[in-house]
Amino acid sequence: MNEPVPDDDLVRLAAGGDRDAFGTLVERHGSNIYRLCLRIMGNPEDAHDAAQDTFLVAMRKLDQFRGEAAFGTWLHRIGVNACYDALRRKKRRPMLRSVDPNDGPQTDLGPAEDDRADEIVGTMGVAQALAEIAEDYRVAVVLADVQDMAYDDIAKILDVPVGTVKSRVHRGRIALAKVLGLEPGARNPRRSGEPTGSAGASEGQS
C-alpha cells in the first residue's frame, strides 16, 4: 500500500499545474474547511460558498505557500478570511457586544468564571448560538473547540499574539454559554482552557 503523498509535495505539484494534486488537497482538507465555514457562517449555503472561495484563493496563491506552517493551518487562515469577507458582504452584525478593542494578550484569565467549554461543544443549539456572538470570538471558539486547533496555530491563522487568542476563546466561550443558558458556575477541573490537542507545550506566548 502506497504511503500518502505529503501536503507539501502535493502543493509543489499543484503549483506546477498538476490538477490531480490540487484535487487531492481539496479531498483531504475539504471537510475540515467546510466545517469551519459552516460554524462561522451559520448556514450550509453560505458555508459552501465560503469553502469554495477558500480553495479558489488557495489555488491562486499556491506559489505563496512557503511551508513555514502546515498547509492545513495556511488553508484555515484563507478560510477564516473568506468567512470574514462573506460576513462583511452580508453586513451581518453579532447580537452580543462587539469585541473589546482592548482585547489584547492575557496570560492569566483568572478563575472567576467557568467558560463551560465541555458542555458548550456538545450542545445541539451551538450552531445557532455561535451566530449570535461577536465574529472575532466566534472564529476563535470555532478554531479551538470545533476544529480542535492548538493556540499557537490559531495565532498564526489570525495573525495575533497567543495571549489574544486565549482571551478571545475564553470570552467567546462565556458569551456562548450565556446565549445557551449555561450560566458560569464553579470552574470545571477537567479542562484548563486549552484545545484538547494543545496541552502544555503548544501554548507558548508570542
N, C-alpha and C. Protein backbone atom coordinates (compact mmCIF):
# COMPACT_ATOMS: atom_id res chain seq x y z
N MET A 1 0.84 -1.19 0.00
CA MET A 1 0.00 0.00 0.00
C MET A 1 0.88 1.25 0.00
N ASN A 2 0.65 2.14 -0.94
CA ASN A 2 1.46 3.33 -1.07
C ASN A 2 1.20 4.30 0.07
N GLU A 3 2.29 4.96 0.51
CA GLU A 3 2.16 5.99 1.53
C GLU A 3 1.49 7.23 0.92
N PRO A 4 0.63 7.93 1.69
CA PRO A 4 0.02 9.16 1.18
C PRO A 4 1.09 10.19 0.85
N VAL A 5 0.89 10.91 -0.23
CA VAL A 5 1.83 11.96 -0.62
C VAL A 5 1.68 13.12 0.37
N PRO A 6 2.77 13.61 0.96
CA PRO A 6 2.67 14.72 1.91
C PRO A 6 2.07 15.97 1.26
N ASP A 7 1.41 16.78 2.08
CA ASP A 7 0.80 18.01 1.57
C ASP A 7 1.80 18.90 0.85
N ASP A 8 3.00 19.04 1.42
CA ASP A 8 3.98 19.94 0.82
C ASP A 8 4.33 19.50 -0.60
N ASP A 9 4.42 18.20 -0.80
CA ASP A 9 4.73 17.69 -2.15
C ASP A 9 3.56 17.94 -3.09
N LEU A 10 2.34 17.74 -2.58
CA LEU A 10 1.17 18.00 -3.41
C LEU A 10 1.06 19.47 -3.78
N VAL A 11 1.42 20.34 -2.86
CA VAL A 11 1.39 21.78 -3.14
C VAL A 11 2.36 22.12 -4.25
N ARG A 12 3.56 21.57 -4.19
CA ARG A 12 4.55 21.84 -5.24
C ARG A 12 4.05 21.35 -6.60
N LEU A 13 3.45 20.17 -6.62
CA LEU A 13 2.91 19.63 -7.86
C LEU A 13 1.76 20.49 -8.38
N ALA A 14 0.87 20.86 -7.47
CA ALA A 14 -0.28 21.66 -7.86
C ALA A 14 0.13 23.03 -8.35
N ALA A 15 1.13 23.62 -7.71
CA ALA A 15 1.62 24.93 -8.14
C ALA A 15 2.23 24.87 -9.54
N GLY A 16 2.68 23.68 -9.90
CA GLY A 16 3.23 23.49 -11.24
C GLY A 16 2.19 23.12 -12.28
N GLY A 17 0.92 23.12 -11.87
CA GLY A 17 -0.16 22.87 -12.83
C GLY A 17 -0.79 21.50 -12.75
N ASP A 18 -0.41 20.69 -11.77
CA ASP A 18 -0.97 19.34 -11.64
C ASP A 18 -2.36 19.43 -10.99
N ARG A 19 -3.41 19.30 -11.79
CA ARG A 19 -4.78 19.41 -11.28
C ARG A 19 -5.13 18.26 -10.33
N ASP A 20 -4.62 17.09 -10.61
CA ASP A 20 -4.90 15.95 -9.74
C ASP A 20 -4.34 16.17 -8.34
N ALA A 21 -3.15 16.77 -8.28
CA ALA A 21 -2.55 17.05 -6.97
C ALA A 21 -3.41 18.03 -6.18
N PHE A 22 -3.91 19.06 -6.85
CA PHE A 22 -4.77 20.01 -6.15
C PHE A 22 -6.08 19.34 -5.75
N GLY A 23 -6.61 18.47 -6.59
CA GLY A 23 -7.82 17.74 -6.25
C GLY A 23 -7.64 16.89 -5.01
N THR A 24 -6.46 16.31 -4.85
CA THR A 24 -6.16 15.52 -3.66
C THR A 24 -6.15 16.40 -2.42
N LEU A 25 -5.59 17.60 -2.54
CA LEU A 25 -5.58 18.54 -1.42
C LEU A 25 -7.02 18.93 -1.03
N VAL A 26 -7.85 19.17 -2.04
CA VAL A 26 -9.25 19.52 -1.76
C VAL A 26 -9.95 18.36 -1.06
N GLU A 27 -9.73 17.17 -1.55
CA GLU A 27 -10.35 15.98 -0.95
C GLU A 27 -9.88 15.77 0.48
N ARG A 28 -8.61 16.03 0.71
CA ARG A 28 -8.01 15.79 2.02
C ARG A 28 -8.47 16.81 3.06
N HIS A 29 -8.64 18.06 2.64
CA HIS A 29 -8.94 19.14 3.59
C HIS A 29 -10.34 19.73 3.44
N GLY A 30 -11.09 19.28 2.45
CA GLY A 30 -12.38 19.88 2.16
C GLY A 30 -13.37 19.82 3.30
N SER A 31 -13.47 18.68 3.98
CA SER A 31 -14.47 18.55 5.04
C SER A 31 -14.13 19.44 6.23
N ASN A 32 -12.85 19.57 6.55
CA ASN A 32 -12.44 20.43 7.66
C ASN A 32 -12.75 21.90 7.35
N ILE A 33 -12.47 22.31 6.12
CA ILE A 33 -12.72 23.71 5.75
C ILE A 33 -14.22 23.97 5.71
N TYR A 34 -14.99 23.03 5.20
CA TYR A 34 -16.44 23.23 5.18
C TYR A 34 -16.99 23.34 6.60
N ARG A 35 -16.52 22.48 7.51
CA ARG A 35 -16.98 22.53 8.90
C ARG A 35 -16.63 23.87 9.54
N LEU A 36 -15.41 24.35 9.27
CA LEU A 36 -15.00 25.67 9.75
C LEU A 36 -15.96 26.75 9.26
N CYS A 37 -16.22 26.75 7.96
CA CYS A 37 -17.09 27.77 7.36
C CYS A 37 -18.52 27.66 7.85
N LEU A 38 -18.99 26.44 8.04
CA LEU A 38 -20.36 26.24 8.49
C LEU A 38 -20.57 26.84 9.89
N ARG A 39 -19.62 26.62 10.78
CA ARG A 39 -19.75 27.13 12.14
C ARG A 39 -19.64 28.65 12.18
N ILE A 40 -18.83 29.22 11.29
CA ILE A 40 -18.68 30.68 11.29
C ILE A 40 -19.85 31.35 10.57
N MET A 41 -20.24 30.79 9.43
CA MET A 41 -21.28 31.42 8.61
C MET A 41 -22.69 31.12 9.11
N GLY A 42 -22.90 29.93 9.68
CA GLY A 42 -24.17 29.63 10.30
C GLY A 42 -25.19 28.93 9.43
N ASN A 43 -24.93 28.76 8.13
CA ASN A 43 -25.86 28.01 7.28
C ASN A 43 -25.10 27.34 6.15
N PRO A 44 -25.61 26.21 5.64
CA PRO A 44 -24.88 25.41 4.64
C PRO A 44 -24.59 26.15 3.34
N GLU A 45 -25.54 26.96 2.87
CA GLU A 45 -25.33 27.64 1.59
C GLU A 45 -24.16 28.61 1.66
N ASP A 46 -24.14 29.45 2.69
CA ASP A 46 -23.03 30.39 2.85
C ASP A 46 -21.73 29.67 3.13
N ALA A 47 -21.81 28.57 3.89
CA ALA A 47 -20.61 27.80 4.19
C ALA A 47 -20.02 27.19 2.92
N HIS A 48 -20.88 26.68 2.07
CA HIS A 48 -20.42 26.10 0.80
C HIS A 48 -19.72 27.16 -0.04
N ASP A 49 -20.32 28.35 -0.12
CA ASP A 49 -19.72 29.43 -0.91
C ASP A 49 -18.38 29.84 -0.34
N ALA A 50 -18.30 29.97 0.99
CA ALA A 50 -17.05 30.38 1.63
C ALA A 50 -15.97 29.31 1.46
N ALA A 51 -16.35 28.04 1.57
CA ALA A 51 -15.39 26.96 1.38
C ALA A 51 -14.88 26.94 -0.07
N GLN A 52 -15.79 27.17 -1.01
CA GLN A 52 -15.38 27.22 -2.41
C GLN A 52 -14.42 28.39 -2.65
N ASP A 53 -14.75 29.54 -2.07
CA ASP A 53 -13.85 30.69 -2.19
C ASP A 53 -12.49 30.39 -1.59
N THR A 54 -12.48 29.66 -0.49
CA THR A 54 -11.22 29.30 0.17
C THR A 54 -10.30 28.55 -0.78
N PHE A 55 -10.83 27.55 -1.46
CA PHE A 55 -9.99 26.75 -2.34
C PHE A 55 -9.64 27.49 -3.64
N LEU A 56 -10.52 28.37 -4.08
CA LEU A 56 -10.18 29.18 -5.25
C LEU A 56 -9.02 30.12 -4.94
N VAL A 57 -9.08 30.76 -3.77
CA VAL A 57 -7.98 31.64 -3.37
C VAL A 57 -6.70 30.83 -3.16
N ALA A 58 -6.83 29.67 -2.50
CA ALA A 58 -5.67 28.83 -2.26
C ALA A 58 -5.01 28.41 -3.58
N MET A 59 -5.82 28.07 -4.56
CA MET A 59 -5.27 27.67 -5.86
C MET A 59 -4.47 28.80 -6.49
N ARG A 60 -4.99 30.03 -6.36
CA ARG A 60 -4.29 31.17 -6.95
C ARG A 60 -3.00 31.51 -6.19
N LYS A 61 -2.97 31.17 -4.90
CA LYS A 61 -1.85 31.58 -4.07
C LYS A 61 -0.90 30.44 -3.70
N LEU A 62 -1.01 29.31 -4.38
CA LEU A 62 -0.16 28.18 -4.04
C LEU A 62 1.32 28.52 -4.09
N ASP A 63 1.69 29.39 -5.02
CA ASP A 63 3.11 29.73 -5.12
C ASP A 63 3.58 30.60 -3.96
N GLN A 64 2.64 31.09 -3.13
CA GLN A 64 3.00 31.89 -1.97
C GLN A 64 3.15 31.04 -0.70
N PHE A 65 2.78 29.76 -0.80
CA PHE A 65 2.92 28.88 0.36
C PHE A 65 4.39 28.53 0.55
N ARG A 66 4.93 28.88 1.71
CA ARG A 66 6.36 28.70 1.98
C ARG A 66 6.65 27.52 2.90
N GLY A 67 5.63 26.89 3.42
CA GLY A 67 5.84 25.75 4.30
C GLY A 67 6.29 26.12 5.70
N GLU A 68 6.16 27.42 6.06
CA GLU A 68 6.54 27.83 7.42
C GLU A 68 5.53 27.31 8.44
N ALA A 69 4.31 27.11 8.02
CA ALA A 69 3.28 26.45 8.84
C ALA A 69 2.74 25.28 8.02
N ALA A 70 2.00 24.40 8.66
CA ALA A 70 1.40 23.29 7.94
C ALA A 70 0.43 23.82 6.89
N PHE A 71 0.27 23.08 5.80
CA PHE A 71 -0.64 23.52 4.74
C PHE A 71 -2.05 23.70 5.29
N GLY A 72 -2.48 22.80 6.18
CA GLY A 72 -3.82 22.91 6.76
C GLY A 72 -4.00 24.20 7.54
N THR A 73 -2.96 24.62 8.27
CA THR A 73 -3.02 25.88 9.00
C THR A 73 -3.12 27.06 8.03
N TRP A 74 -2.30 27.03 7.00
CA TRP A 74 -2.34 28.07 5.96
C TRP A 74 -3.72 28.14 5.31
N LEU A 75 -4.29 26.97 5.05
CA LEU A 75 -5.61 26.91 4.42
C LEU A 75 -6.70 27.44 5.35
N HIS A 76 -6.57 27.14 6.64
CA HIS A 76 -7.53 27.66 7.61
C HIS A 76 -7.51 29.18 7.65
N ARG A 77 -6.32 29.75 7.52
CA ARG A 77 -6.23 31.22 7.52
C ARG A 77 -6.99 31.80 6.33
N ILE A 78 -6.83 31.18 5.17
CA ILE A 78 -7.57 31.62 3.99
C ILE A 78 -9.07 31.44 4.22
N GLY A 79 -9.45 30.33 4.83
CA GLY A 79 -10.86 30.07 5.10
C GLY A 79 -11.48 31.09 6.04
N VAL A 80 -10.75 31.43 7.10
CA VAL A 80 -11.25 32.44 8.04
C VAL A 80 -11.43 33.77 7.33
N ASN A 81 -10.45 34.15 6.50
CA ASN A 81 -10.56 35.41 5.76
C ASN A 81 -11.74 35.38 4.78
N ALA A 82 -11.96 34.23 4.16
CA ALA A 82 -13.10 34.10 3.24
C ALA A 82 -14.42 34.29 3.99
N CYS A 83 -14.49 33.76 5.20
CA CYS A 83 -15.71 33.93 6.00
C CYS A 83 -15.89 35.38 6.43
N TYR A 84 -14.80 36.01 6.86
CA TYR A 84 -14.90 37.43 7.22
C TYR A 84 -15.38 38.26 6.03
N ASP A 85 -14.82 37.99 4.86
CA ASP A 85 -15.23 38.73 3.66
C ASP A 85 -16.72 38.52 3.38
N ALA A 86 -17.17 37.26 3.51
CA ALA A 86 -18.58 36.96 3.25
C ALA A 86 -19.49 37.64 4.26
N LEU A 87 -19.08 37.64 5.52
CA LEU A 87 -19.88 38.29 6.56
C LEU A 87 -19.95 39.80 6.33
N ARG A 88 -18.85 40.38 5.90
CA ARG A 88 -18.87 41.81 5.60
C ARG A 88 -19.81 42.11 4.44
N ARG A 89 -19.77 41.24 3.44
CA ARG A 89 -20.66 41.46 2.28
C ARG A 89 -22.12 41.38 2.70
N LYS A 90 -22.41 40.47 3.60
CA LYS A 90 -23.80 40.32 4.04
C LYS A 90 -24.17 41.32 5.13
N LYS A 91 -23.16 42.05 5.61
CA LYS A 91 -23.38 43.08 6.63
C LYS A 91 -24.09 42.53 7.85
N ARG A 92 -23.65 41.33 8.25
CA ARG A 92 -24.20 40.75 9.46
C ARG A 92 -23.62 41.45 10.66
N ARG A 93 -24.38 41.52 11.71
CA ARG A 93 -23.91 42.09 12.96
C ARG A 93 -24.20 41.10 14.08
N PRO A 94 -23.22 40.86 14.96
CA PRO A 94 -23.47 39.97 16.10
C PRO A 94 -24.49 40.58 17.03
N MET A 95 -25.27 39.72 17.68
CA MET A 95 -26.32 40.19 18.58
C MET A 95 -25.77 40.62 19.93
N LEU A 96 -24.60 40.05 20.31
CA LEU A 96 -23.98 40.48 21.56
C LEU A 96 -23.00 41.59 21.26
N ARG A 97 -22.35 42.09 22.27
CA ARG A 97 -21.45 43.22 22.09
C ARG A 97 -20.30 42.87 21.16
N SER A 98 -19.74 43.88 20.53
CA SER A 98 -18.60 43.66 19.65
C SER A 98 -17.36 43.39 20.50
N VAL A 99 -16.31 42.92 19.83
CA VAL A 99 -15.08 42.62 20.56
C VAL A 99 -14.48 43.89 21.12
N ASP A 100 -14.04 43.81 22.36
CA ASP A 100 -13.41 44.94 23.02
C ASP A 100 -12.13 45.31 22.29
N PRO A 101 -11.95 46.58 21.88
CA PRO A 101 -10.73 46.96 21.19
C PRO A 101 -9.49 46.78 22.05
N ASN A 102 -9.68 46.69 23.37
CA ASN A 102 -8.56 46.45 24.27
C ASN A 102 -8.36 44.98 24.55
N ASP A 103 -8.91 44.13 23.69
CA ASP A 103 -8.85 42.67 23.87
C ASP A 103 -7.47 42.18 23.49
N GLY A 104 -6.49 42.53 24.29
CA GLY A 104 -5.10 42.20 23.98
C GLY A 104 -4.65 40.93 24.65
N PRO A 105 -3.34 40.63 24.56
CA PRO A 105 -2.82 39.40 25.14
C PRO A 105 -3.04 39.36 26.64
N GLN A 106 -3.42 38.17 27.11
CA GLN A 106 -3.59 37.96 28.54
C GLN A 106 -2.96 36.62 28.89
N THR A 107 -2.18 36.61 29.96
CA THR A 107 -1.56 35.36 30.38
C THR A 107 -2.32 34.70 31.51
N ASP A 108 -3.09 35.46 32.26
CA ASP A 108 -3.87 34.91 33.37
C ASP A 108 -5.29 35.43 33.30
N LEU A 109 -6.21 34.58 32.89
CA LEU A 109 -7.60 34.98 32.76
C LEU A 109 -8.37 34.84 34.07
N GLY A 110 -7.71 34.23 35.05
CA GLY A 110 -8.33 34.17 36.37
C GLY A 110 -9.37 33.09 36.50
N PRO A 111 -9.69 32.69 37.72
CA PRO A 111 -10.62 31.59 37.98
C PRO A 111 -12.06 32.01 38.20
N ALA A 112 -12.39 33.29 37.98
CA ALA A 112 -13.69 33.77 38.41
C ALA A 112 -14.86 33.14 37.67
N GLU A 113 -14.70 32.91 36.36
CA GLU A 113 -15.82 32.41 35.57
C GLU A 113 -15.43 31.13 34.84
N ASP A 114 -16.30 30.14 34.91
CA ASP A 114 -16.11 28.90 34.16
C ASP A 114 -16.62 29.12 32.74
N ASP A 115 -15.79 28.79 31.74
CA ASP A 115 -16.24 29.04 30.36
C ASP A 115 -17.15 27.93 29.84
N ARG A 116 -17.35 26.85 30.60
CA ARG A 116 -18.30 25.77 30.29
C ARG A 116 -18.01 25.12 28.93
N ALA A 117 -16.73 25.02 28.56
CA ALA A 117 -16.37 24.53 27.24
C ALA A 117 -16.87 23.11 26.98
N ASP A 118 -16.76 22.23 27.98
CA ASP A 118 -17.19 20.84 27.76
C ASP A 118 -18.66 20.74 27.41
N GLU A 119 -19.49 21.53 28.10
CA GLU A 119 -20.92 21.47 27.84
C GLU A 119 -21.29 22.14 26.53
N ILE A 120 -20.60 23.24 26.22
CA ILE A 120 -20.93 24.02 25.03
C ILE A 120 -20.74 23.22 23.76
N VAL A 121 -19.57 22.55 23.63
CA VAL A 121 -19.28 21.89 22.36
C VAL A 121 -20.22 20.73 22.09
N GLY A 122 -20.88 20.23 23.13
CA GLY A 122 -21.79 19.12 22.93
C GLY A 122 -23.25 19.53 22.87
N THR A 123 -23.53 20.82 22.85
CA THR A 123 -24.90 21.29 22.87
C THR A 123 -25.48 21.36 21.47
N MET A 124 -26.72 20.87 21.31
CA MET A 124 -27.34 20.81 19.99
C MET A 124 -27.52 22.18 19.36
N GLY A 125 -27.80 23.22 20.19
CA GLY A 125 -28.06 24.54 19.65
C GLY A 125 -26.83 25.38 19.44
N VAL A 126 -25.65 24.77 19.49
CA VAL A 126 -24.43 25.57 19.44
C VAL A 126 -24.27 26.29 18.10
N ALA A 127 -24.68 25.69 17.01
CA ALA A 127 -24.51 26.33 15.70
C ALA A 127 -25.30 27.63 15.62
N GLN A 128 -26.55 27.59 16.10
CA GLN A 128 -27.35 28.80 16.10
C GLN A 128 -26.80 29.83 17.08
N ALA A 129 -26.33 29.36 18.23
CA ALA A 129 -25.80 30.27 19.24
C ALA A 129 -24.52 30.95 18.77
N LEU A 130 -23.69 30.24 18.03
CA LEU A 130 -22.45 30.82 17.53
C LEU A 130 -22.72 32.05 16.67
N ALA A 131 -23.83 32.02 15.93
CA ALA A 131 -24.16 33.14 15.06
C ALA A 131 -24.51 34.40 15.83
N GLU A 132 -24.73 34.26 17.14
CA GLU A 132 -25.17 35.38 17.95
C GLU A 132 -24.05 36.05 18.75
N ILE A 133 -22.83 35.54 18.63
CA ILE A 133 -21.74 36.17 19.38
C ILE A 133 -20.84 36.92 18.40
N ALA A 134 -20.04 37.82 18.93
CA ALA A 134 -19.18 38.66 18.10
C ALA A 134 -18.30 37.81 17.19
N GLU A 135 -18.09 38.28 15.98
CA GLU A 135 -17.41 37.47 14.96
C GLU A 135 -16.02 37.02 15.38
N ASP A 136 -15.22 37.91 15.98
CA ASP A 136 -13.87 37.52 16.37
C ASP A 136 -13.88 36.44 17.45
N TYR A 137 -14.84 36.54 18.38
CA TYR A 137 -14.98 35.49 19.40
C TYR A 137 -15.43 34.19 18.75
N ARG A 138 -16.40 34.30 17.84
CA ARG A 138 -16.94 33.12 17.15
C ARG A 138 -15.82 32.36 16.44
N VAL A 139 -15.01 33.08 15.70
CA VAL A 139 -13.92 32.45 14.95
C VAL A 139 -12.95 31.76 15.89
N ALA A 140 -12.58 32.43 16.98
CA ALA A 140 -11.63 31.84 17.93
C ALA A 140 -12.19 30.57 18.56
N VAL A 141 -13.46 30.60 18.96
CA VAL A 141 -14.09 29.43 19.58
C VAL A 141 -14.20 28.28 18.57
N VAL A 142 -14.57 28.59 17.34
CA VAL A 142 -14.68 27.55 16.32
C VAL A 142 -13.32 26.88 16.09
N LEU A 143 -12.27 27.69 15.96
CA LEU A 143 -10.94 27.12 15.72
C LEU A 143 -10.47 26.27 16.90
N ALA A 144 -10.76 26.72 18.12
CA ALA A 144 -10.29 26.00 19.30
C ALA A 144 -11.14 24.78 19.62
N ASP A 145 -12.47 24.94 19.61
CA ASP A 145 -13.34 23.90 20.14
C ASP A 145 -14.01 23.02 19.08
N VAL A 146 -14.15 23.53 17.87
CA VAL A 146 -14.71 22.72 16.80
C VAL A 146 -13.59 22.09 15.97
N GLN A 147 -12.62 22.93 15.57
CA GLN A 147 -11.50 22.42 14.78
C GLN A 147 -10.42 21.81 15.66
N ASP A 148 -10.49 22.04 16.97
CA ASP A 148 -9.55 21.46 17.95
C ASP A 148 -8.10 21.81 17.62
N MET A 149 -7.88 23.08 17.32
CA MET A 149 -6.55 23.52 16.94
C MET A 149 -5.80 24.07 18.15
N ALA A 150 -4.47 23.94 18.11
CA ALA A 150 -3.62 24.49 19.17
C ALA A 150 -3.62 26.01 19.11
N TYR A 151 -3.43 26.64 20.26
CA TYR A 151 -3.43 28.09 20.32
C TYR A 151 -2.34 28.70 19.42
N ASP A 152 -1.18 28.05 19.36
CA ASP A 152 -0.11 28.56 18.50
C ASP A 152 -0.56 28.61 17.04
N ASP A 153 -1.26 27.56 16.61
CA ASP A 153 -1.74 27.52 15.22
C ASP A 153 -2.83 28.56 14.99
N ILE A 154 -3.71 28.73 15.97
CA ILE A 154 -4.77 29.74 15.84
C ILE A 154 -4.15 31.13 15.73
N ALA A 155 -3.11 31.37 16.51
CA ALA A 155 -2.43 32.67 16.46
C ALA A 155 -1.86 32.93 15.07
N LYS A 156 -1.32 31.89 14.44
CA LYS A 156 -0.79 32.05 13.08
C LYS A 156 -1.92 32.32 12.08
N ILE A 157 -3.02 31.62 12.25
CA ILE A 157 -4.16 31.80 11.35
C ILE A 157 -4.72 33.22 11.45
N LEU A 158 -4.87 33.71 12.67
CA LEU A 158 -5.49 35.02 12.90
C LEU A 158 -4.49 36.16 12.87
N ASP A 159 -3.19 35.81 12.89
CA ASP A 159 -2.12 36.82 12.89
C ASP A 159 -2.24 37.74 14.11
N VAL A 160 -2.43 37.11 15.27
CA VAL A 160 -2.49 37.84 16.54
C VAL A 160 -1.64 37.08 17.56
N PRO A 161 -1.25 37.72 18.66
CA PRO A 161 -0.49 37.01 19.70
C PRO A 161 -1.30 35.88 20.32
N VAL A 162 -0.59 34.90 20.87
CA VAL A 162 -1.25 33.77 21.52
C VAL A 162 -2.12 34.24 22.67
N GLY A 163 -1.66 35.25 23.40
CA GLY A 163 -2.45 35.77 24.51
C GLY A 163 -3.80 36.32 24.06
N THR A 164 -3.82 36.94 22.88
CA THR A 164 -5.08 37.45 22.35
C THR A 164 -6.01 36.29 21.99
N VAL A 165 -5.45 35.23 21.46
CA VAL A 165 -6.24 34.03 21.15
C VAL A 165 -6.89 33.49 22.42
N LYS A 166 -6.10 33.35 23.48
CA LYS A 166 -6.63 32.84 24.75
C LYS A 166 -7.77 33.71 25.25
N SER A 167 -7.58 35.03 25.16
CA SER A 167 -8.60 35.95 25.63
C SER A 167 -9.89 35.81 24.83
N ARG A 168 -9.76 35.75 23.50
CA ARG A 168 -10.95 35.64 22.65
C ARG A 168 -11.68 34.32 22.86
N VAL A 169 -10.92 33.24 22.99
CA VAL A 169 -11.55 31.94 23.21
C VAL A 169 -12.29 31.95 24.55
N HIS A 170 -11.64 32.44 25.58
CA HIS A 170 -12.24 32.47 26.91
C HIS A 170 -13.52 33.32 26.91
N ARG A 171 -13.42 34.53 26.38
CA ARG A 171 -14.59 35.41 26.37
C ARG A 171 -15.68 34.90 25.44
N GLY A 172 -15.25 34.28 24.34
CA GLY A 172 -16.22 33.71 23.42
C GLY A 172 -16.99 32.57 24.03
N ARG A 173 -16.31 31.72 24.79
CA ARG A 173 -16.99 30.61 25.47
C ARG A 173 -18.00 31.13 26.48
N ILE A 174 -17.61 32.16 27.21
CA ILE A 174 -18.53 32.72 28.20
C ILE A 174 -19.75 33.33 27.52
N ALA A 175 -19.52 34.08 26.43
CA ALA A 175 -20.64 34.67 25.69
C ALA A 175 -21.54 33.58 25.13
N LEU A 176 -20.93 32.52 24.60
CA LEU A 176 -21.70 31.41 24.04
C LEU A 176 -22.50 30.70 25.12
N ALA A 177 -21.89 30.51 26.28
CA ALA A 177 -22.59 29.85 27.39
C ALA A 177 -23.82 30.64 27.79
N LYS A 178 -23.69 31.96 27.80
CA LYS A 178 -24.83 32.80 28.18
C LYS A 178 -25.95 32.70 27.16
N VAL A 179 -25.58 32.67 25.86
CA VAL A 179 -26.60 32.52 24.82
C VAL A 179 -27.33 31.19 24.98
N LEU A 180 -26.58 30.15 25.36
CA LEU A 180 -27.15 28.82 25.50
C LEU A 180 -27.83 28.60 26.85
N GLY A 181 -27.77 29.62 27.72
CA GLY A 181 -28.39 29.48 29.03
C GLY A 181 -27.57 28.70 30.02
N LEU A 182 -26.26 28.55 29.75
CA LEU A 182 -25.37 27.85 30.67
C LEU A 182 -24.61 28.90 31.46
N GLU A 183 -25.20 29.37 32.53
CA GLU A 183 -24.58 30.45 33.29
C GLU A 183 -23.30 29.97 33.93
N PRO A 184 -22.27 30.85 33.96
CA PRO A 184 -21.00 30.47 34.57
C PRO A 184 -21.18 30.02 36.01
N GLY A 185 -20.45 28.94 36.37
CA GLY A 185 -20.53 28.43 37.73
C GLY A 185 -19.15 28.06 38.23
N ALA A 186 -19.09 27.00 39.01
CA ALA A 186 -17.80 26.56 39.53
C ALA A 186 -16.93 26.09 38.39
N ARG A 187 -15.64 26.35 38.47
CA ARG A 187 -14.74 26.04 37.39
C ARG A 187 -14.61 24.54 37.21
N ASN A 188 -14.60 24.07 35.95
CA ASN A 188 -14.51 22.65 35.66
C ASN A 188 -13.06 22.19 35.78
N PRO A 189 -12.72 21.29 36.71
CA PRO A 189 -11.33 20.88 36.90
C PRO A 189 -10.81 20.01 35.78
N ARG A 190 -11.69 19.51 34.90
CA ARG A 190 -11.23 18.61 33.84
C ARG A 190 -10.69 19.36 32.64
N ARG A 191 -10.85 20.67 32.61
CA ARG A 191 -10.40 21.42 31.43
C ARG A 191 -9.77 22.72 31.88
N SER A 192 -8.59 23.03 31.35
CA SER A 192 -7.88 24.24 31.78
C SER A 192 -7.95 25.34 30.75
N GLY A 193 -8.77 25.17 29.70
CA GLY A 193 -8.92 26.21 28.70
C GLY A 193 -8.20 25.95 27.40
N GLU A 194 -7.42 24.86 27.31
CA GLU A 194 -6.71 24.56 26.08
C GLU A 194 -7.53 23.64 25.20
N PRO A 195 -7.42 23.78 23.86
CA PRO A 195 -7.96 22.75 22.98
C PRO A 195 -7.33 21.41 23.34
N THR A 196 -8.07 20.32 23.13
CA THR A 196 -7.60 19.01 23.59
C THR A 196 -6.30 18.60 22.94
N GLY A 197 -6.03 19.12 21.77
CA GLY A 197 -4.78 18.73 21.08
C GLY A 197 -3.64 19.66 21.37
N SER A 198 -3.74 20.58 22.35
CA SER A 198 -2.71 21.60 22.50
C SER A 198 -2.22 21.73 23.93
N ALA A 199 -2.13 20.63 24.65
CA ALA A 199 -1.77 20.70 26.04
C ALA A 199 -0.34 21.22 26.20
N GLY A 200 -0.20 22.06 27.20
CA GLY A 200 1.11 22.45 27.66
C GLY A 200 1.97 23.16 26.66
N ALA A 201 2.85 22.40 25.98
CA ALA A 201 3.93 22.99 25.20
C ALA A 201 3.45 23.82 24.04
N SER A 202 2.27 23.53 23.51
CA SER A 202 1.82 24.25 22.32
C SER A 202 1.27 25.62 22.64
N GLU A 203 1.38 26.03 23.92
CA GLU A 203 0.80 27.31 24.33
C GLU A 203 1.85 28.34 24.63
N GLY A 204 2.92 28.41 23.89
CA GLY A 204 3.92 29.42 24.15
C GLY A 204 3.43 30.80 23.84
N GLN A 205 3.90 31.75 24.59
CA GLN A 205 3.49 33.14 24.36
C GLN A 205 4.26 33.71 23.18
N SER A 206 3.60 34.59 22.39
CA SER A 206 4.32 35.24 21.31
C SER A 206 4.61 36.66 21.69
